[in-house]
N, C-alpha and C. Protein backbone atom coordinates (compact mmCIF):
# COMPACT_ATOMS: atom_id res chain seq x y z
N MET A 1 26.90 -4.74 11.43
CA MET A 1 26.39 -4.27 10.14
C MET A 1 25.63 -5.51 9.61
N ALA A 2 24.43 -5.21 9.00
CA ALA A 2 23.72 -6.33 8.23
C ALA A 2 23.41 -5.71 6.88
N LEU A 3 23.42 -6.64 5.95
CA LEU A 3 23.10 -6.33 4.56
C LEU A 3 21.81 -6.97 4.19
N ILE A 4 20.83 -6.17 3.91
CA ILE A 4 19.48 -6.81 3.59
C ILE A 4 19.21 -6.43 2.06
N VAL A 5 19.04 -7.49 1.35
CA VAL A 5 18.95 -7.34 -0.20
C VAL A 5 17.63 -7.73 -0.57
N GLY A 6 16.90 -6.83 -1.23
CA GLY A 6 15.62 -7.12 -1.90
C GLY A 6 15.80 -7.30 -3.34
N LEU A 7 15.31 -8.42 -3.77
CA LEU A 7 15.46 -8.79 -5.22
C LEU A 7 14.25 -8.38 -6.08
N GLY A 8 14.53 -7.84 -7.30
CA GLY A 8 13.54 -7.27 -8.19
C GLY A 8 14.25 -6.86 -9.38
N ASN A 9 13.39 -6.25 -10.30
CA ASN A 9 14.01 -5.64 -11.60
C ASN A 9 13.69 -4.26 -11.53
N PRO A 10 14.74 -3.40 -12.04
CA PRO A 10 14.60 -1.97 -11.93
C PRO A 10 13.73 -1.39 -13.06
N GLY A 11 13.22 -0.16 -12.71
CA GLY A 11 12.47 0.61 -13.71
C GLY A 11 11.00 0.46 -13.41
N PRO A 12 10.31 1.59 -13.96
CA PRO A 12 8.90 1.68 -13.59
C PRO A 12 8.02 0.71 -14.18
N GLU A 13 8.51 0.05 -15.35
CA GLU A 13 7.69 -1.02 -15.93
C GLU A 13 7.48 -2.22 -15.14
N TYR A 14 8.44 -2.47 -14.20
CA TYR A 14 8.41 -3.65 -13.32
C TYR A 14 7.84 -3.32 -11.94
N ALA A 15 7.70 -2.09 -11.55
CA ALA A 15 7.11 -1.73 -10.23
C ALA A 15 5.83 -2.42 -10.02
N GLY A 16 5.67 -3.00 -8.97
CA GLY A 16 4.42 -3.72 -8.60
C GLY A 16 4.24 -5.07 -9.18
N THR A 17 5.34 -5.63 -9.89
CA THR A 17 5.19 -7.04 -10.38
C THR A 17 5.43 -8.04 -9.23
N ARG A 18 5.08 -9.17 -9.60
CA ARG A 18 5.21 -10.26 -8.54
C ARG A 18 6.76 -10.42 -8.30
N HIS A 19 7.53 -10.33 -9.35
CA HIS A 19 8.97 -10.71 -9.17
C HIS A 19 9.72 -9.52 -8.37
N ASN A 20 8.95 -8.43 -8.07
CA ASN A 20 9.52 -7.31 -7.40
C ASN A 20 9.13 -7.32 -5.84
N ALA A 21 8.61 -8.47 -5.42
CA ALA A 21 8.25 -8.62 -3.94
C ALA A 21 9.32 -8.14 -3.03
N GLY A 22 10.56 -8.52 -3.33
CA GLY A 22 11.69 -8.19 -2.54
C GLY A 22 11.92 -6.67 -2.43
N PHE A 23 11.75 -5.99 -3.59
CA PHE A 23 11.83 -4.54 -3.49
C PHE A 23 10.67 -4.00 -2.74
N MET A 24 9.55 -4.60 -2.74
CA MET A 24 8.39 -4.07 -2.04
C MET A 24 8.61 -4.18 -0.44
N VAL A 25 9.24 -5.25 -0.13
CA VAL A 25 9.51 -5.44 1.34
C VAL A 25 10.59 -4.36 1.71
N LEU A 26 11.64 -4.28 1.01
CA LEU A 26 12.63 -3.27 1.38
C LEU A 26 12.11 -1.77 1.46
N ASP A 27 11.29 -1.48 0.41
CA ASP A 27 10.72 -0.17 0.44
C ASP A 27 9.86 0.10 1.63
N ARG A 28 9.11 -0.91 2.07
CA ARG A 28 8.22 -0.74 3.23
C ARG A 28 9.03 -0.65 4.47
N LEU A 29 10.16 -1.45 4.65
CA LEU A 29 11.02 -1.41 5.68
C LEU A 29 11.78 -0.14 5.81
N ALA A 30 12.28 0.53 4.68
CA ALA A 30 12.85 1.79 4.70
C ALA A 30 11.84 2.89 5.21
N ARG A 31 10.59 2.69 4.74
CA ARG A 31 9.49 3.81 5.28
C ARG A 31 9.41 3.58 6.75
N ARG A 32 9.26 2.39 7.15
CA ARG A 32 8.94 2.08 8.57
C ARG A 32 10.03 2.71 9.50
N HIS A 33 11.26 2.68 8.92
CA HIS A 33 12.32 3.21 9.84
C HIS A 33 12.91 4.53 9.44
N GLY A 34 12.14 5.27 8.65
CA GLY A 34 12.59 6.66 8.40
C GLY A 34 13.76 6.83 7.44
N LEU A 35 13.97 5.79 6.69
CA LEU A 35 15.24 5.94 5.84
C LEU A 35 14.94 6.43 4.43
N THR A 36 13.66 6.74 4.08
CA THR A 36 13.24 7.24 2.95
C THR A 36 13.51 8.80 2.68
N ALA A 37 13.95 9.38 3.84
CA ALA A 37 14.26 10.84 3.76
C ALA A 37 15.50 11.03 3.00
N GLN A 38 16.44 10.03 3.03
CA GLN A 38 17.65 10.10 2.16
C GLN A 38 17.42 9.66 0.84
N ARG A 39 18.31 10.14 -0.08
CA ARG A 39 18.22 9.70 -1.46
C ARG A 39 19.09 8.47 -1.54
N PRO A 40 18.66 7.43 -2.20
CA PRO A 40 19.36 6.26 -2.35
C PRO A 40 20.69 6.56 -3.11
N LYS A 41 21.80 5.91 -2.68
CA LYS A 41 23.00 5.95 -3.33
C LYS A 41 23.11 4.88 -4.43
N LEU A 42 23.80 5.16 -5.47
CA LEU A 42 24.05 4.13 -6.46
C LEU A 42 25.36 3.64 -6.32
N LYS A 43 25.50 2.38 -5.69
CA LYS A 43 26.78 1.71 -5.43
C LYS A 43 26.57 0.14 -5.47
N PHE A 44 27.57 -0.46 -5.84
CA PHE A 44 27.63 -1.97 -5.88
C PHE A 44 26.51 -2.39 -6.99
N HIS A 45 26.34 -1.53 -8.03
CA HIS A 45 25.29 -1.85 -9.04
C HIS A 45 23.87 -2.03 -8.45
N ALA A 46 23.66 -1.16 -7.45
CA ALA A 46 22.37 -1.22 -6.71
C ALA A 46 22.04 0.09 -6.22
N ALA A 47 20.77 0.32 -5.80
CA ALA A 47 20.31 1.41 -5.08
C ALA A 47 20.43 1.04 -3.67
N MET A 48 21.03 1.92 -2.84
CA MET A 48 21.48 1.58 -1.44
C MET A 48 21.04 2.60 -0.44
N LEU A 49 20.43 2.19 0.64
CA LEU A 49 20.16 3.08 1.85
C LEU A 49 20.90 2.51 2.97
N GLU A 50 21.47 3.37 3.93
CA GLU A 50 22.06 2.98 5.02
C GLU A 50 21.32 3.67 6.28
N GLY A 51 21.34 2.95 7.31
CA GLY A 51 20.67 3.56 8.61
C GLY A 51 20.41 2.54 9.58
N LEU A 52 19.66 2.78 10.54
CA LEU A 52 19.28 1.92 11.71
C LEU A 52 17.89 1.29 11.36
N VAL A 53 17.93 -0.01 11.50
CA VAL A 53 16.62 -0.74 11.48
C VAL A 53 16.56 -1.57 12.65
N ALA A 54 15.54 -1.34 13.45
CA ALA A 54 15.44 -2.03 14.80
C ALA A 54 16.59 -1.94 15.68
N GLY A 55 17.23 -0.69 15.58
CA GLY A 55 18.39 -0.42 16.38
C GLY A 55 19.72 -0.90 15.92
N GLN A 56 19.76 -1.58 14.77
CA GLN A 56 20.89 -2.28 14.14
C GLN A 56 21.35 -1.38 12.86
N ARG A 57 22.62 -1.29 12.69
CA ARG A 57 23.07 -0.66 11.58
C ARG A 57 22.94 -1.56 10.34
N CYS A 58 22.37 -1.09 9.26
CA CYS A 58 21.93 -1.82 8.09
C CYS A 58 22.33 -1.14 6.83
N VAL A 59 22.46 -1.88 5.76
CA VAL A 59 22.46 -1.43 4.44
C VAL A 59 21.35 -2.21 3.81
N LEU A 60 20.48 -1.39 3.23
CA LEU A 60 19.26 -1.97 2.34
C LEU A 60 19.68 -1.87 0.92
N LEU A 61 19.73 -2.91 0.18
CA LEU A 61 20.22 -2.94 -1.16
C LEU A 61 19.27 -3.50 -2.11
N GLU A 62 18.98 -2.73 -3.26
CA GLU A 62 18.08 -3.17 -4.41
C GLU A 62 19.00 -3.27 -5.51
N PRO A 63 19.37 -4.51 -5.96
CA PRO A 63 20.23 -4.57 -7.29
C PRO A 63 19.44 -3.95 -8.45
N GLN A 64 20.30 -3.18 -9.24
CA GLN A 64 19.66 -2.67 -10.48
C GLN A 64 20.27 -3.33 -11.65
N THR A 65 20.61 -4.49 -11.52
CA THR A 65 21.21 -5.42 -12.63
C THR A 65 20.27 -6.28 -13.25
N TYR A 66 18.92 -6.19 -12.91
CA TYR A 66 17.97 -7.11 -13.31
C TYR A 66 18.12 -8.45 -12.46
N MET A 67 16.97 -9.17 -12.34
CA MET A 67 16.90 -10.36 -11.62
C MET A 67 18.09 -11.35 -11.75
N ASN A 68 18.33 -11.76 -12.95
CA ASN A 68 19.18 -12.81 -13.27
C ASN A 68 20.73 -12.49 -13.02
N ARG A 69 20.97 -11.10 -12.80
CA ARG A 69 22.34 -10.86 -12.50
C ARG A 69 22.39 -10.28 -11.03
N SER A 70 21.64 -10.59 -10.18
CA SER A 70 21.53 -10.11 -8.87
C SER A 70 22.76 -10.38 -7.95
N GLY A 71 23.50 -11.44 -8.27
CA GLY A 71 24.61 -11.81 -7.60
C GLY A 71 25.80 -10.76 -7.53
N LEU A 72 25.87 -9.97 -8.63
CA LEU A 72 26.92 -9.02 -8.79
C LEU A 72 26.91 -8.02 -7.60
N ALA A 73 25.65 -7.38 -7.36
CA ALA A 73 25.55 -6.46 -6.36
C ALA A 73 25.75 -7.11 -5.00
N VAL A 74 25.30 -8.23 -4.79
CA VAL A 74 25.43 -8.86 -3.48
C VAL A 74 26.88 -9.27 -3.21
N GLN A 75 27.52 -9.78 -4.19
CA GLN A 75 28.97 -10.17 -3.99
C GLN A 75 29.87 -8.92 -3.72
N GLU A 76 29.61 -7.81 -4.41
CA GLU A 76 30.39 -6.64 -4.28
C GLU A 76 30.15 -6.04 -2.81
N ALA A 77 28.87 -5.92 -2.53
CA ALA A 77 28.51 -5.31 -1.24
C ALA A 77 29.06 -6.16 -0.01
N ALA A 78 28.85 -7.46 -0.05
CA ALA A 78 29.35 -8.40 0.99
C ALA A 78 30.92 -8.35 1.09
N ALA A 79 31.59 -8.18 -0.05
CA ALA A 79 33.03 -8.17 0.00
C ALA A 79 33.54 -6.79 0.60
N PHE A 80 32.88 -5.70 0.23
CA PHE A 80 33.21 -4.41 0.75
C PHE A 80 33.11 -4.27 2.13
N TYR A 81 31.98 -4.76 2.78
CA TYR A 81 31.70 -4.71 4.11
C TYR A 81 32.29 -5.85 4.88
N LYS A 82 32.98 -6.86 4.26
CA LYS A 82 33.63 -7.93 4.86
C LYS A 82 32.68 -8.72 5.74
N LEU A 83 31.51 -8.95 5.19
CA LEU A 83 30.41 -9.66 5.91
C LEU A 83 30.59 -11.18 6.10
N ASP A 84 30.20 -11.64 7.28
CA ASP A 84 29.98 -13.01 7.50
C ASP A 84 28.59 -13.23 6.79
N LEU A 85 28.44 -14.31 6.04
CA LEU A 85 27.28 -14.46 5.31
C LEU A 85 25.93 -14.56 6.23
N ARG A 86 26.22 -14.91 7.49
CA ARG A 86 25.02 -14.93 8.35
C ARG A 86 24.53 -13.49 8.60
N GLU A 87 25.22 -12.40 8.25
CA GLU A 87 24.80 -11.05 8.33
C GLU A 87 24.16 -10.52 7.04
N LEU A 88 23.90 -11.45 6.11
CA LEU A 88 23.23 -11.14 4.88
C LEU A 88 21.91 -11.75 4.97
N LEU A 89 20.91 -11.03 4.41
CA LEU A 89 19.47 -11.50 4.31
C LEU A 89 19.03 -11.15 2.85
N VAL A 90 18.61 -12.14 2.15
CA VAL A 90 18.05 -11.95 0.79
C VAL A 90 16.57 -12.05 0.84
N VAL A 91 15.77 -11.07 0.34
CA VAL A 91 14.36 -11.11 0.36
C VAL A 91 13.87 -11.29 -1.15
N VAL A 92 13.13 -12.35 -1.38
CA VAL A 92 12.87 -12.81 -2.71
C VAL A 92 11.44 -13.35 -2.82
N ASP A 93 10.93 -13.16 -4.09
CA ASP A 93 9.50 -13.82 -4.27
C ASP A 93 9.68 -15.27 -4.43
N ASP A 94 8.55 -15.95 -4.32
CA ASP A 94 8.54 -17.47 -4.35
C ASP A 94 7.25 -17.91 -4.92
N VAL A 95 7.25 -18.67 -6.05
CA VAL A 95 6.10 -19.20 -6.73
C VAL A 95 5.57 -20.53 -5.98
N ALA A 96 6.46 -21.02 -5.18
CA ALA A 96 6.04 -22.28 -4.46
C ALA A 96 5.20 -22.00 -3.19
N LEU A 97 5.22 -20.74 -2.77
CA LEU A 97 4.43 -20.31 -1.52
C LEU A 97 3.15 -19.55 -2.00
N PRO A 98 2.01 -19.83 -1.26
CA PRO A 98 0.91 -19.04 -1.62
C PRO A 98 1.08 -17.61 -1.23
N VAL A 99 0.39 -16.65 -2.01
CA VAL A 99 0.38 -15.20 -1.55
C VAL A 99 -0.16 -15.12 -0.08
N GLY A 100 0.58 -14.40 0.75
CA GLY A 100 0.17 -14.24 2.10
C GLY A 100 1.14 -14.99 3.05
N LYS A 101 1.96 -15.93 2.57
CA LYS A 101 2.88 -16.72 3.32
C LYS A 101 4.33 -16.05 3.16
N ILE A 102 5.00 -16.17 4.21
CA ILE A 102 6.48 -15.80 4.17
C ILE A 102 7.25 -16.96 4.83
N ARG A 103 8.42 -17.08 4.46
CA ARG A 103 9.31 -18.26 5.03
C ARG A 103 10.79 -17.79 5.13
N LEU A 104 11.23 -17.88 6.29
CA LEU A 104 12.72 -17.58 6.57
C LEU A 104 13.53 -18.95 6.47
N ARG A 105 14.65 -18.81 5.94
CA ARG A 105 15.57 -20.08 6.09
C ARG A 105 16.94 -19.56 6.22
N PRO A 106 17.82 -20.40 6.89
CA PRO A 106 19.18 -19.94 6.99
C PRO A 106 20.03 -20.27 5.75
N GLY A 107 19.51 -21.01 4.89
CA GLY A 107 20.23 -21.35 3.69
C GLY A 107 19.40 -22.26 2.84
N GLY A 108 19.95 -22.84 1.81
CA GLY A 108 19.17 -23.73 0.97
C GLY A 108 19.34 -23.45 -0.44
N SER A 109 18.79 -24.27 -1.26
CA SER A 109 18.85 -24.10 -2.82
C SER A 109 18.15 -22.95 -3.27
N SER A 110 18.38 -22.63 -4.54
CA SER A 110 17.77 -21.57 -5.27
C SER A 110 16.25 -21.88 -5.55
N GLY A 111 15.86 -23.16 -5.51
CA GLY A 111 14.54 -23.51 -5.85
C GLY A 111 14.09 -23.18 -7.20
N GLY A 112 15.09 -22.90 -8.19
CA GLY A 112 14.77 -22.54 -9.53
C GLY A 112 14.63 -21.07 -9.70
N HIS A 113 14.92 -20.28 -8.56
CA HIS A 113 14.85 -18.82 -8.76
C HIS A 113 16.17 -18.29 -9.27
N ASN A 114 16.09 -17.59 -10.61
CA ASN A 114 17.32 -17.17 -11.21
C ASN A 114 18.13 -16.13 -10.44
N GLY A 115 17.38 -15.26 -9.64
CA GLY A 115 18.20 -14.30 -8.78
C GLY A 115 18.92 -15.05 -7.72
N LEU A 116 18.33 -16.01 -7.02
CA LEU A 116 19.06 -16.73 -6.00
C LEU A 116 20.17 -17.54 -6.60
N ALA A 117 19.94 -18.13 -7.78
CA ALA A 117 20.95 -18.92 -8.46
C ALA A 117 22.24 -18.17 -8.80
N ASP A 118 21.96 -16.88 -9.30
CA ASP A 118 23.14 -16.08 -9.57
C ASP A 118 23.89 -15.64 -8.35
N ILE A 119 23.15 -15.36 -7.12
CA ILE A 119 23.86 -15.06 -5.95
C ILE A 119 24.62 -16.25 -5.45
N GLU A 120 24.02 -17.37 -5.53
CA GLU A 120 24.82 -18.65 -5.00
C GLU A 120 25.93 -18.88 -5.90
N ARG A 121 25.92 -18.61 -7.30
CA ARG A 121 27.08 -18.89 -8.14
C ARG A 121 28.19 -17.85 -7.70
N LEU A 122 27.83 -16.63 -7.41
CA LEU A 122 28.92 -15.61 -7.25
C LEU A 122 29.50 -15.73 -5.78
N LEU A 123 28.63 -16.00 -4.89
CA LEU A 123 29.11 -16.18 -3.46
C LEU A 123 29.75 -17.58 -3.26
N GLY A 124 29.56 -18.45 -4.16
CA GLY A 124 30.02 -19.86 -3.95
C GLY A 124 29.47 -20.72 -2.84
N THR A 125 28.32 -20.46 -2.41
CA THR A 125 27.61 -21.09 -1.41
C THR A 125 26.00 -20.93 -1.46
N ILE A 126 25.42 -21.88 -0.82
CA ILE A 126 23.85 -21.72 -0.67
C ILE A 126 23.60 -21.40 0.83
N GLU A 127 24.64 -21.19 1.64
CA GLU A 127 24.49 -20.90 3.04
C GLU A 127 24.48 -19.50 3.39
N TYR A 128 23.29 -18.85 3.22
CA TYR A 128 23.10 -17.39 3.59
C TYR A 128 21.62 -17.40 3.75
N PRO A 129 21.13 -16.52 4.74
CA PRO A 129 19.74 -16.47 5.02
C PRO A 129 18.86 -15.80 3.94
N ARG A 130 17.72 -16.36 3.73
CA ARG A 130 16.82 -15.70 2.79
C ARG A 130 15.36 -15.67 3.43
N LEU A 131 14.66 -14.78 2.91
CA LEU A 131 13.18 -14.66 3.32
C LEU A 131 12.41 -14.62 1.98
N ARG A 132 11.58 -15.62 1.95
CA ARG A 132 10.81 -15.82 0.71
C ARG A 132 9.37 -15.29 0.92
N ILE A 133 8.96 -14.63 -0.05
CA ILE A 133 7.53 -13.96 -0.05
C ILE A 133 6.67 -14.80 -1.04
N GLY A 134 5.55 -15.34 -0.62
CA GLY A 134 4.76 -16.10 -1.44
C GLY A 134 4.07 -15.26 -2.59
N ILE A 135 4.08 -15.70 -3.81
CA ILE A 135 3.34 -14.92 -4.90
C ILE A 135 2.40 -15.85 -5.52
N ASP A 136 2.12 -17.12 -5.09
CA ASP A 136 1.21 -18.10 -5.69
C ASP A 136 1.93 -18.82 -6.96
N PRO A 137 1.57 -20.04 -7.13
CA PRO A 137 2.07 -20.80 -8.40
C PRO A 137 1.42 -20.11 -9.63
N PRO A 138 2.11 -20.24 -10.73
CA PRO A 138 1.59 -19.53 -12.03
C PRO A 138 0.38 -20.25 -12.53
N GLY A 139 0.15 -21.54 -12.22
CA GLY A 139 -0.94 -22.20 -12.85
C GLY A 139 -0.62 -22.47 -14.31
N ARG A 140 -1.55 -22.16 -15.20
CA ARG A 140 -1.36 -22.36 -16.68
C ARG A 140 -0.53 -21.27 -17.38
N VAL A 141 -0.32 -20.14 -16.66
CA VAL A 141 0.43 -19.02 -17.31
C VAL A 141 1.85 -19.40 -17.29
N PRO A 142 2.62 -19.19 -18.40
CA PRO A 142 3.98 -19.36 -18.40
C PRO A 142 4.61 -18.68 -17.21
N GLN A 143 5.65 -19.36 -16.54
CA GLN A 143 6.11 -18.73 -15.25
C GLN A 143 6.77 -17.40 -15.49
N ALA A 144 7.56 -17.18 -16.65
CA ALA A 144 8.19 -15.97 -16.83
C ALA A 144 7.11 -14.79 -17.06
N ASP A 145 6.05 -15.07 -17.64
CA ASP A 145 4.92 -14.10 -17.85
C ASP A 145 4.26 -13.85 -16.60
N TYR A 146 4.09 -14.88 -15.70
CA TYR A 146 3.46 -14.67 -14.47
C TYR A 146 4.20 -13.91 -13.50
N VAL A 147 5.57 -14.13 -13.36
CA VAL A 147 6.20 -13.45 -12.30
C VAL A 147 6.42 -11.96 -12.72
N LEU A 148 6.32 -11.61 -14.07
CA LEU A 148 6.57 -10.28 -14.54
C LEU A 148 5.19 -9.57 -14.60
N GLY A 149 4.11 -10.28 -14.27
CA GLY A 149 2.77 -9.65 -14.17
C GLY A 149 2.47 -8.99 -12.88
N ARG A 150 1.36 -8.35 -12.74
CA ARG A 150 1.06 -7.63 -11.55
C ARG A 150 0.19 -8.51 -10.66
N PHE A 151 0.16 -8.20 -9.36
CA PHE A 151 -0.76 -8.93 -8.55
C PHE A 151 -2.21 -8.55 -8.85
N GLY A 152 -3.09 -9.54 -8.81
CA GLY A 152 -4.52 -9.26 -8.87
C GLY A 152 -5.05 -8.62 -7.59
N SER A 153 -6.27 -8.10 -7.58
CA SER A 153 -6.82 -7.40 -6.29
C SER A 153 -6.96 -8.36 -5.18
N GLU A 154 -7.25 -9.68 -5.44
CA GLU A 154 -7.48 -10.66 -4.27
C GLU A 154 -6.08 -10.98 -3.80
N GLN A 155 -5.06 -11.02 -4.66
CA GLN A 155 -3.67 -11.32 -4.23
C GLN A 155 -3.20 -10.05 -3.33
N LEU A 156 -3.46 -8.88 -3.84
CA LEU A 156 -3.00 -7.65 -3.13
C LEU A 156 -3.47 -7.72 -1.70
N ALA A 157 -4.80 -8.03 -1.53
CA ALA A 157 -5.30 -8.04 -0.17
C ALA A 157 -4.69 -9.04 0.79
N LEU A 158 -4.03 -10.11 0.18
CA LEU A 158 -3.32 -11.04 0.99
C LEU A 158 -1.85 -10.55 1.11
N LEU A 159 -1.40 -9.94 0.09
CA LEU A 159 0.09 -9.55 0.10
C LEU A 159 0.37 -8.38 1.24
N GLU A 160 -0.54 -7.45 1.20
CA GLU A 160 -0.31 -6.24 2.10
C GLU A 160 0.10 -6.69 3.49
N PRO A 161 -0.71 -7.52 4.15
CA PRO A 161 -0.31 -7.97 5.54
C PRO A 161 1.02 -8.80 5.54
N ALA A 162 1.26 -9.55 4.44
CA ALA A 162 2.45 -10.35 4.42
C ALA A 162 3.69 -9.43 4.32
N LEU A 163 3.61 -8.37 3.58
CA LEU A 163 4.67 -7.34 3.61
C LEU A 163 4.97 -6.85 4.94
N GLU A 164 3.98 -6.62 5.68
CA GLU A 164 4.13 -6.09 7.14
C GLU A 164 4.75 -7.12 7.86
N ARG A 165 4.41 -8.53 7.80
CA ARG A 165 4.95 -9.49 8.53
C ARG A 165 6.36 -9.76 8.17
N ALA A 166 6.62 -9.55 6.84
CA ALA A 166 8.03 -9.76 6.30
C ALA A 166 8.94 -8.76 7.02
N CYS A 167 8.54 -7.47 7.16
CA CYS A 167 9.32 -6.45 7.90
C CYS A 167 9.48 -6.80 9.30
N ASP A 168 8.30 -7.41 9.95
CA ASP A 168 8.59 -7.75 11.42
C ASP A 168 9.62 -8.89 11.39
N ALA A 169 9.56 -9.88 10.53
CA ALA A 169 10.57 -10.93 10.51
C ALA A 169 11.93 -10.47 10.28
N ILE A 170 12.16 -9.53 9.57
CA ILE A 170 13.41 -8.89 9.40
C ILE A 170 13.94 -8.26 10.66
N GLU A 171 13.09 -7.50 11.35
CA GLU A 171 13.49 -6.89 12.59
C GLU A 171 13.81 -7.92 13.57
N THR A 172 13.08 -9.10 13.62
CA THR A 172 13.33 -10.15 14.63
C THR A 172 14.67 -10.82 14.28
N TRP A 173 14.99 -11.01 12.93
CA TRP A 173 16.18 -11.50 12.55
C TRP A 173 17.34 -10.69 13.00
N LEU A 174 17.23 -9.35 12.96
CA LEU A 174 18.25 -8.42 13.23
C LEU A 174 18.60 -8.45 14.78
N THR A 175 17.46 -8.56 15.51
CA THR A 175 17.60 -8.43 16.94
C THR A 175 17.89 -9.61 17.65
N VAL A 176 17.38 -10.84 17.38
CA VAL A 176 17.49 -11.97 18.01
C VAL A 176 17.94 -13.21 17.22
N GLY A 177 18.14 -13.05 15.88
CA GLY A 177 18.76 -14.11 15.10
C GLY A 177 17.72 -14.84 14.30
N ILE A 178 18.27 -15.63 13.39
CA ILE A 178 17.52 -16.50 12.32
C ILE A 178 16.62 -17.48 13.07
N ASP A 179 17.12 -18.22 14.04
CA ASP A 179 16.42 -19.27 14.58
C ASP A 179 15.06 -18.73 15.33
N ALA A 180 15.28 -17.72 16.15
CA ALA A 180 14.03 -17.08 16.84
C ALA A 180 13.18 -16.51 15.77
N ALA A 181 13.67 -15.88 14.71
CA ALA A 181 12.80 -15.31 13.73
C ALA A 181 12.06 -16.30 12.95
N MET A 182 12.68 -17.57 12.66
CA MET A 182 11.91 -18.67 11.98
C MET A 182 10.85 -19.05 12.90
N THR A 183 11.19 -19.40 14.16
CA THR A 183 10.16 -19.95 15.04
C THR A 183 8.98 -18.97 15.21
N ARG A 184 9.23 -17.65 15.26
CA ARG A 184 8.24 -16.65 15.43
C ARG A 184 7.37 -16.43 14.20
N HIS A 185 8.01 -16.37 13.00
CA HIS A 185 7.39 -15.88 11.75
C HIS A 185 6.98 -16.93 10.75
N ASN A 186 7.71 -18.07 10.78
CA ASN A 186 7.40 -19.17 9.74
C ASN A 186 6.01 -19.77 9.93
N GLY A 187 5.57 -19.72 11.09
CA GLY A 187 4.27 -20.41 11.47
C GLY A 187 3.13 -19.54 11.27
N GLU A 188 3.29 -18.31 10.99
CA GLU A 188 2.17 -17.32 10.77
C GLU A 188 1.52 -17.59 9.54
N ASP A 189 0.13 -17.88 9.55
CA ASP A 189 -0.62 -18.16 8.36
C ASP A 189 -1.03 -16.80 7.83
N ARG A 190 -1.42 -16.93 6.55
CA ARG A 190 -2.01 -15.67 5.97
C ARG A 190 -3.32 -15.46 6.49
N PRO A 191 -3.81 -14.21 6.44
CA PRO A 191 -5.13 -14.05 7.08
C PRO A 191 -6.28 -14.72 6.42
N ALA A 192 -7.32 -14.95 7.12
CA ALA A 192 -8.50 -15.72 6.56
C ALA A 192 -9.20 -14.86 5.62
């Protein structure tokens, strides 16, 4: 069993915003593996789908608690399934990466991301895998406004292939582990 968590904010007003890059990846992964035929369950303060991804039994989880309280859903689901935290992957937006880049890590700090900080607080560790999706630095725009804004057309052109590569990276993580997935996918550059 693997638990794949995409971070974002619930509700139509946040759909397509930069902060919802984690939701975007999970939605794409669910479509890719035919999991969208089922209606998501509401469990663990999250929308949840269960099924096979790359031949592996998975739970896809999108916390419905808003970004700053993402840890509640992750903690409850991880405890329920009695997961080793190496079986957890959190997919999250990252302002430190350019749009079009993805980066897998086996652990590490929150890097100032409130969703990751809440997960770390409730799990009591920074040692769990995460997949970061680049959304570009905010520049002169206040970061809170920037992450809650929508991608521009040029950003979307770079984001689309990155979302596909993120799904590929998750499948690699599931089938051969984090080290091979990092080797294979962290070096991929965004398209020219």
